Amino acid sequence: MSATLKLTHRTIGVEVRRGPYEAIVDGKHAGTVELNETIDIAVEPGHHTLQVRNGRNSSRTKSFDVAEGEIARFRCGGKSPLPIFLLSFIVPSLALTLKRE
C-alpha cells in the first residue's frame, strides 16, 4: 500500500501568476495542477520534499512525512503581499506559495 499527496492550486481573489504549476516531489516531476484543481500523487510512505514551479518562478521546498495509507494535503498559489511579490522578481523562489493543510 502507498500514501497519497493531495495538491490543490487555489487562491482567494486575483492571482497574477496563473497557469499550471508543476509538482516536484523528491526532485522529480510528479504531475501538473491547474488553477482551481486538485491532483493526487501516489508516494511511498516516509520522508519527502515538495516544490511547485511555473517557469522560473517556484515555491520554497517543503519537507513532509507521510505514513502508509495517509494523505498529505498541500495548497499552492501565486498570490502574495506586495513587498513579497516585488521581491520575487529578484528571488524567484518567493513567487509561489505552498502550505500544508
Protein backbone atom coordinates (compact mmCIF):
# COMPACT_ATOMS: atom_id res chain seq x y z
CA MET A 1 0.00 0.00 0.00
CA SER A 2 1.17 3.55 -0.61
CA ALA A 3 0.41 7.02 0.70
CA THR A 4 -1.14 9.97 -1.15
CA LEU A 5 -0.10 13.57 -1.68
CA LYS A 6 -3.07 15.84 -2.47
CA LEU A 7 -2.05 19.15 -4.08
CA THR A 8 -4.63 21.90 -4.65
CA HIS A 9 -3.97 25.05 -6.70
CA ARG A 10 -6.33 27.64 -5.23
CA THR A 11 -6.19 31.25 -4.08
CA ILE A 12 -8.78 33.76 -2.91
CA GLY A 13 -9.07 36.87 -5.04
CA VAL A 14 -6.94 37.73 -8.05
CA GLU A 15 -3.90 35.63 -8.86
CA VAL A 16 -1.30 37.29 -11.09
CA ARG A 17 0.80 34.16 -11.68
CA ARG A 18 -1.75 31.95 -13.36
CA GLY A 19 -1.22 28.86 -15.40
CA PRO A 20 -0.41 25.28 -14.48
CA TYR A 21 2.10 24.53 -11.73
CA GLU A 22 4.49 21.62 -11.99
CA ALA A 23 4.66 19.48 -8.84
CA ILE A 24 8.19 18.35 -7.97
CA VAL A 25 8.34 15.51 -5.42
CA ASP A 26 11.79 14.45 -4.20
CA GLY A 27 13.39 16.42 -7.07
CA LYS A 28 11.36 14.70 -9.83
CA HIS A 29 8.35 15.83 -11.87
CA ALA A 30 5.24 14.24 -10.34
CA GLY A 31 2.37 16.00 -12.11
CA THR A 32 0.78 19.29 -13.11
CA VAL A 33 -2.02 21.11 -11.32
CA GLU A 34 -4.23 23.76 -12.93
CA LEU A 35 -5.88 26.70 -11.15
CA ASN A 36 -8.85 25.56 -9.01
CA GLU A 37 -7.94 21.89 -9.44
CA THR A 38 -6.56 19.17 -7.17
CA ILE A 39 -4.27 16.31 -8.11
CA ASP A 40 -3.47 13.12 -6.23
CA ILE A 41 0.09 11.83 -6.34
CA ALA A 42 0.93 8.36 -5.02
CA VAL A 43 4.06 8.39 -2.84
CA GLU A 44 5.84 5.79 -0.78
CA PRO A 45 5.44 6.10 2.99
CA GLY A 46 8.27 8.08 4.56
CA HIS A 47 10.02 11.44 4.25
CA HIS A 48 9.58 13.53 1.08
CA THR A 49 10.10 17.02 -0.33
CA LEU A 50 7.64 19.04 -2.40
CA GLN A 51 8.04 22.14 -4.54
CA VAL A 52 5.83 23.75 -7.19
CA ARG A 53 7.20 25.54 -10.27
CA ASN A 54 5.88 27.71 -13.07
CA GLY A 55 8.72 28.59 -15.45
CA ARG A 56 11.41 30.41 -13.46
CA ASN A 57 9.00 31.01 -10.56
CA SER A 58 8.82 28.49 -7.75
CA SER A 59 7.86 27.91 -4.16
CA ARG A 60 10.29 27.10 -1.41
CA THR A 61 10.84 23.39 -0.91
CA LYS A 62 8.72 21.87 1.88
CA SER A 63 9.55 18.63 3.66
CA PHE A 64 6.84 16.28 4.89
CA ASP A 65 6.40 12.81 6.33
CA VAL A 66 3.53 10.55 5.40
CA ALA A 67 2.59 7.13 6.76
CA GLU A 68 1.15 4.18 4.85
CA GLY A 69 -2.46 4.88 3.85
CA GLU A 70 -2.20 8.52 5.00
CA ILE A 71 -2.96 11.63 2.91
CA ALA A 72 -0.68 14.70 3.00
CA ARG A 73 -2.57 17.80 1.82
CA PHE A 74 -0.95 20.95 0.42
CA ARG A 75 -2.34 24.13 -1.16
CA CYS A 76 -0.36 26.24 -3.62
CA GLY A 77 -0.92 29.61 -5.24
CA GLY A 78 0.68 32.68 -6.76
CA LYS A 79 -0.82 35.40 -4.60
CA SER A 80 1.39 37.22 -2.07
CA PRO A 81 1.60 40.60 -0.31
CA LEU A 82 3.01 43.42 -2.47
CA PRO A 83 6.51 43.55 -0.88
CA ILE A 84 7.00 39.79 -1.35
CA PHE A 85 5.54 39.98 -4.87
CA LEU A 86 8.10 42.66 -5.82
CA LEU A 87 10.97 40.78 -4.14
CA SER A 88 10.03 37.62 -6.07
CA PHE A 89 11.36 39.22 -9.27
CA ILE A 90 14.81 39.05 -7.69
CA VAL A 91 14.26 35.85 -5.67
CA PRO A 92 12.07 33.56 -7.85
CA SER A 93 11.60 31.02 -5.01
CA LEU A 94 9.30 33.55 -3.29
CA ALA A 95 6.92 33.78 -6.26
CA LEU A 96 4.65 30.85 -5.38
CA THR A 97 3.25 29.80 -2.02
CA LEU A 98 2.99 26.24 -0.72
CA LYS A 99 1.24 25.46 2.56
CA ARG A 100 0.38 22.22 4.28
CA GLU A 101 -3.28 21.92 5.25
